[in-house]
Amino acid sequence: MLPARAQGFGGTWVMQAPTGPITLTLTQAAGGRTTGTLTLEGDVIQLGGTIAQGRLSGQATLGARRGVFEAAVEGDQLAMVIAETNSAGVPDPATAQQLLFQRGSAAAAPATPAAPGTTRQPARGGGSAADRELSQLLLSSAWCSFSYSQTSGRTSTSRNVFLADGRLLIGTNSEGGTVNQYGGTATPNGSVYSQSQGGQTARWQVQGGRLFVDLGQGPQPVALSVARNSNGYPIITADGTEYSQCR
């Protein structure tokens, strides 16, 4: 859940993304009823919801596709979580996106991924420009890693979702056939397939241009750098592992 904030939602909000600006326009009426549009990668998503206890939540519609959203405001920042729903009306976590907007002209200046630096609670505003830019980048999508071992014949993947309330959702998957651990492609008894999945929730914050992650032993700094691939999309390298944007 996003933290409750007693702030106005009405107006125009902008978030800079690798594919161009994402624009959110909201009209807040008496009684908390709020309508608007979210323009995302050329799609115009219709929004309608109500404000209760400082949070805006409601329905999102794009043609025949349906979804839900929740948003919270603090100062000149609006944090939103939006996800598609299945045929039963249940949100699909795999489609969830975390978006962090700036109000009005404050968001119009292009944002470039910050070179790594320090840490602070991401969705609470304040901090340096580098802190805000890095937080916005991390919140812009889920981040996935992939690795393959020729020696063991296994693939390992992870999916990491940074939430605006400071939580980090980590999902892992490992699967494949076991091959000769000393090299080669065959074992005396043939190949053995296995699969394992895992997940945990951590805390994250950005302060002083650096990312800190708390896995239960206090915030620890992450050696992090940001670059762009040949298509212009950001690639994050964290503690030696590469992560790219994913759904």
Protein backbone atom coordinates (compact mmCIF):
# COMPACT_ATOMS: atom_id res chain seq x y z
CA MET A 1 0.00 0.00 0.00
CA LEU A 2 1.12 3.54 -0.70
CA PRO A 3 1.47 5.94 2.22
CA ALA A 4 -1.51 8.23 2.80
CA ARG A 5 -0.96 11.92 2.02
CA ALA A 6 -3.37 14.82 2.49
CA GLN A 7 -2.52 16.55 -0.79
CA GLY A 8 -4.39 17.55 -3.95
CA PHE A 9 -4.30 15.17 -6.91
CA GLY A 10 -5.71 17.50 -9.56
CA GLY A 11 -3.46 18.87 -12.29
CA THR A 12 -0.83 17.64 -14.71
CA TRP A 13 1.97 15.30 -13.68
CA VAL A 14 4.94 14.24 -15.82
CA MET A 15 7.48 11.44 -15.59
CA GLN A 16 10.48 11.19 -17.91
CA ALA A 17 11.07 7.66 -19.27
CA PRO A 18 13.50 6.18 -21.85
CA THR A 19 10.68 6.05 -24.42
CA GLY A 20 9.58 9.63 -23.75
CA PRO A 21 7.47 11.56 -21.23
CA ILE A 22 4.62 9.81 -19.42
CA THR A 23 1.83 12.29 -18.70
CA LEU A 24 -0.87 12.02 -16.06
CA THR A 25 -3.76 14.51 -16.04
CA LEU A 26 -6.27 14.41 -13.18
CA THR A 27 -9.42 16.38 -12.39
CA GLN A 28 -10.46 16.25 -8.75
CA ALA A 29 -14.12 16.99 -7.96
CA ALA A 30 -16.00 17.58 -4.74
CA GLY A 31 -16.35 14.49 -2.61
CA GLY A 32 -13.04 13.07 -3.82
CA ARG A 33 -14.27 11.75 -7.17
CA THR A 34 -11.35 12.01 -9.59
CA THR A 35 -11.07 11.31 -13.31
CA GLY A 36 -8.22 11.64 -15.75
CA THR A 37 -5.94 10.11 -18.36
CA LEU A 38 -2.54 8.45 -18.31
CA THR A 39 -0.60 8.76 -21.58
CA LEU A 40 1.93 5.92 -21.65
CA GLU A 41 3.97 4.95 -24.75
CA GLY A 42 1.28 6.30 -27.08
CA ASP A 43 -1.64 4.70 -25.23
CA VAL A 44 -4.22 6.89 -23.50
CA ILE A 45 -5.53 5.09 -20.42
CA GLN A 46 -8.78 6.36 -18.90
CA LEU A 47 -8.78 6.65 -15.11
CA GLY A 48 -11.59 7.00 -12.61
CA GLY A 49 -11.46 6.72 -8.85
CA THR A 50 -12.08 8.21 -5.45
CA ILE A 51 -9.90 9.63 -2.71
CA ALA A 52 -10.08 8.04 0.72
CA GLN A 53 -7.68 8.50 3.64
CA GLY A 54 -5.28 10.47 1.46
CA ARG A 55 -5.05 7.84 -1.31
CA LEU A 56 -6.58 7.83 -4.78
CA SER A 57 -7.66 4.42 -6.04
CA GLY A 58 -9.86 3.27 -8.87
CA GLN A 59 -10.21 1.68 -12.29
CA ALA A 60 -8.08 2.03 -15.42
CA THR A 61 -9.43 1.33 -18.93
CA LEU A 62 -7.71 0.96 -22.30
CA GLY A 63 -10.11 -0.40 -24.91
CA ALA A 64 -11.12 -3.89 -23.76
CA ARG A 65 -8.29 -4.03 -21.23
CA ARG A 66 -9.08 -3.32 -17.60
CA GLY A 67 -6.90 -2.51 -14.63
CA VAL A 68 -6.70 -0.90 -11.22
CA PHE A 69 -4.49 1.84 -9.83
CA GLU A 70 -3.56 3.50 -6.56
CA ALA A 71 -1.76 6.81 -6.09
CA ALA A 72 -0.46 8.99 -3.29
CA VAL A 73 0.85 12.56 -3.32
CA GLU A 74 3.49 14.27 -1.22
CA GLY A 75 4.47 17.79 -2.14
CA ASP A 76 5.27 17.93 -5.86
CA GLN A 77 5.54 14.15 -6.29
CA LEU A 78 2.86 11.60 -7.10
CA ALA A 79 3.60 7.87 -6.77
CA MET A 80 1.33 5.49 -8.67
CA VAL A 81 0.94 1.71 -8.86
CA ILE A 82 -1.07 0.41 -11.84
CA ALA A 83 -1.77 -3.17 -12.90
CA GLU A 84 -4.02 -5.03 -15.33
CA THR A 85 -6.77 -7.28 -13.99
CA ASN A 86 -7.66 -10.76 -15.21
CA SER A 87 -11.11 -11.99 -16.30
CA ALA A 88 -12.08 -12.36 -12.63
CA GLY A 89 -11.13 -8.75 -11.90
CA VAL A 90 -8.06 -9.72 -9.86
CA PRO A 91 -4.90 -7.61 -10.36
CA ASP A 92 -2.07 -9.46 -12.12
CA PRO A 93 1.22 -8.76 -10.24
CA ALA A 94 3.24 -9.53 -13.39
CA THR A 95 1.78 -6.44 -15.09
CA ALA A 96 2.24 -4.04 -12.16
CA GLN A 97 4.13 -0.85 -12.89
CA GLN A 98 5.48 1.67 -10.40
CA LEU A 99 5.44 5.29 -11.65
CA LEU A 100 6.80 8.40 -9.97
CA PHE A 101 5.62 11.76 -11.33
CA GLN A 102 6.56 15.38 -10.77
CA ARG A 103 3.90 18.09 -10.75
CA GLY A 104 3.61 20.55 -13.62
CA SER A 105 6.68 22.29 -15.02
CA ALA A 106 8.91 20.87 -12.30
CA ALA A 107 8.77 17.59 -14.20
CA ALA A 108 9.21 18.97 -17.70
CA ALA A 109 13.00 19.07 -17.65
CA PRO A 110 14.42 15.86 -19.14
CA ALA A 111 15.73 13.47 -16.53
CA THR A 112 18.80 11.38 -17.19
CA PRO A 113 19.60 8.30 -15.14
CA ALA A 114 21.73 9.42 -12.26
CA ALA A 115 25.21 8.19 -11.90
CA PRO A 116 25.19 6.22 -8.70
CA GLY A 117 25.50 8.07 -5.49
CA THR A 118 23.53 7.99 -2.04
CA THR A 119 20.22 7.04 -0.29
CA ARG A 120 16.87 8.15 1.11
CA GLN A 121 13.29 6.89 1.29
CA PRO A 122 12.43 7.07 -2.40
CA ALA A 123 8.81 8.16 -2.50
CA ARG A 124 9.05 10.76 0.24
CA GLY A 125 10.33 13.65 -1.88
CA GLY A 126 13.24 15.87 -0.99
CA GLY A 127 16.84 14.83 -1.43
CA SER A 128 19.16 15.98 -4.18
CA ALA A 129 18.30 16.01 -7.88
CA ALA A 130 20.51 12.94 -8.31
CA ASP A 131 18.58 11.12 -5.56
CA ARG A 132 15.25 11.91 -7.20
CA GLU A 133 16.45 10.89 -10.66
CA LEU A 134 17.84 7.56 -9.46
CA SER A 135 14.67 6.84 -7.47
CA GLN A 136 12.55 7.66 -10.52
CA LEU A 137 14.62 5.31 -12.68
CA LEU A 138 14.29 2.44 -10.20
CA LEU A 139 10.52 3.01 -9.90
CA SER A 140 9.99 3.24 -13.67
CA SER A 141 9.68 -0.54 -14.20
CA ALA A 142 10.57 -3.93 -12.85
CA TRP A 143 14.25 -4.90 -13.29
CA CYS A 144 15.25 -8.40 -14.40
CA SER A 145 18.51 -10.32 -14.59
CA PHE A 146 19.42 -13.46 -16.53
CA SER A 147 22.42 -15.77 -16.36
CA TYR A 148 23.36 -19.15 -17.86
CA SER A 149 26.09 -21.52 -16.73
CA GLN A 150 27.65 -23.73 -19.39
CA THR A 151 29.27 -25.79 -16.66
CA SER A 152 26.08 -26.64 -14.77
CA GLY A 153 23.61 -26.15 -17.62
CA ARG A 154 21.34 -23.99 -15.50
CA THR A 155 19.61 -20.68 -16.10
CA SER A 156 18.94 -18.24 -13.29
CA THR A 157 16.63 -15.26 -13.44
CA SER A 158 15.42 -12.61 -11.02
CA ARG A 159 12.69 -9.97 -11.10
CA ASN A 160 13.00 -6.97 -8.80
CA VAL A 161 10.19 -4.47 -8.22
CA PHE A 162 10.94 -1.22 -6.38
CA LEU A 163 7.77 0.06 -4.68
CA ALA A 164 7.17 3.71 -3.88
CA ASP A 165 6.65 2.92 -0.20
CA GLY A 166 10.27 1.74 0.14
CA ARG A 167 9.71 -2.01 -0.30
CA LEU A 168 11.72 -4.09 -2.78
CA LEU A 169 10.04 -7.28 -4.02
CA ILE A 170 12.59 -9.88 -5.17
CA GLY A 171 11.60 -12.99 -7.11
CA THR A 172 14.10 -15.63 -8.26
CA ASN A 173 13.93 -18.71 -10.47
CA SER A 174 16.57 -21.33 -11.31
CA GLU A 175 16.09 -24.28 -13.64
CA GLY A 176 17.87 -26.57 -16.07
CA GLY A 177 19.62 -29.87 -16.56
CA THR A 178 22.70 -30.80 -14.58
CA VAL A 179 25.71 -31.57 -16.76
CA ASN A 180 29.22 -32.63 -15.89
CA GLN A 181 30.44 -30.23 -13.21
CA TYR A 182 34.01 -30.76 -14.39
CA GLY A 183 33.22 -29.66 -17.95
CA GLY A 184 31.76 -31.32 -21.02
CA THR A 185 28.13 -31.96 -21.84
CA ALA A 186 27.41 -35.43 -20.49
CA THR A 187 27.30 -37.16 -17.14
CA PRO A 188 27.70 -40.92 -16.54
CA ASN A 189 24.05 -41.21 -15.48
CA GLY A 190 22.59 -38.69 -17.91
CA SER A 191 21.10 -35.25 -17.29
CA VAL A 192 19.03 -34.33 -14.24
CA TYR A 193 16.50 -31.50 -14.47
CA SER A 194 15.49 -29.43 -11.47
CA GLN A 195 13.79 -26.14 -10.75
CA SER A 196 13.63 -23.83 -7.75
CA GLN A 197 11.84 -20.57 -7.08
CA GLY A 198 12.18 -18.07 -4.28
CA GLY A 199 11.18 -14.62 -3.17
CA GLN A 200 11.70 -12.09 -0.42
CA THR A 201 10.84 -8.52 0.51
CA ALA A 202 13.60 -6.04 1.30
CA ARG A 203 13.71 -2.29 1.99
CA TRP A 204 15.40 0.22 -0.30
CA GLN A 205 16.33 3.86 -0.20
CA VAL A 206 18.44 6.34 -2.15
CA GLN A 207 20.64 8.84 -0.38
CA GLY A 208 23.62 10.84 -1.52
CA GLY A 209 23.27 9.39 -5.03
CA ARG A 210 23.68 5.78 -3.81
CA LEU A 211 21.29 2.86 -3.52
CA PHE A 212 21.00 1.10 -0.17
CA VAL A 213 19.16 -2.21 0.32
CA ASP A 214 18.16 -3.75 3.65
CA LEU A 215 17.74 -7.53 3.56
CA GLY A 216 17.23 -7.70 7.30
CA GLN A 217 20.69 -6.71 8.48
CA GLY A 218 20.39 -2.96 8.07
CA PRO A 219 20.85 -0.82 4.93
CA GLN A 220 23.85 -1.92 2.87
CA PRO A 221 25.30 0.10 -0.05
CA VAL A 222 25.00 -1.42 -3.51
CA ALA A 223 27.82 -0.93 -6.02
CA LEU A 224 25.67 0.43 -8.83
CA SER A 225 26.23 1.99 -12.24
CA VAL A 226 23.85 3.00 -15.04
CA ALA A 227 24.57 2.78 -18.77
CA ARG A 228 22.50 2.59 -21.95
CA ASN A 229 22.38 -0.20 -24.50
CA SER A 230 22.50 0.29 -28.28
CA ASN A 231 18.75 1.02 -28.33
CA GLY A 232 19.06 3.73 -25.69
CA TYR A 233 17.47 1.74 -22.86
CA PRO A 234 19.08 1.87 -19.40
CA ILE A 235 21.05 -1.07 -18.05
CA ILE A 236 21.77 -1.16 -14.32
CA THR A 237 24.79 -3.06 -13.03
CA ALA A 238 24.42 -3.78 -9.31
CA ASP A 239 27.14 -5.66 -7.42
CA GLY A 240 28.38 -7.08 -10.73
CA THR A 241 24.97 -8.27 -12.05
CA GLU A 242 23.28 -6.61 -15.02
CA TYR A 243 19.58 -5.73 -14.83
CA SER A 244 17.35 -4.53 -17.66
CA GLN A 245 13.83 -3.15 -17.65
CA CYS A 246 11.07 -5.77 -17.83
CA ARG A 247 7.34 -6.12 -17.21
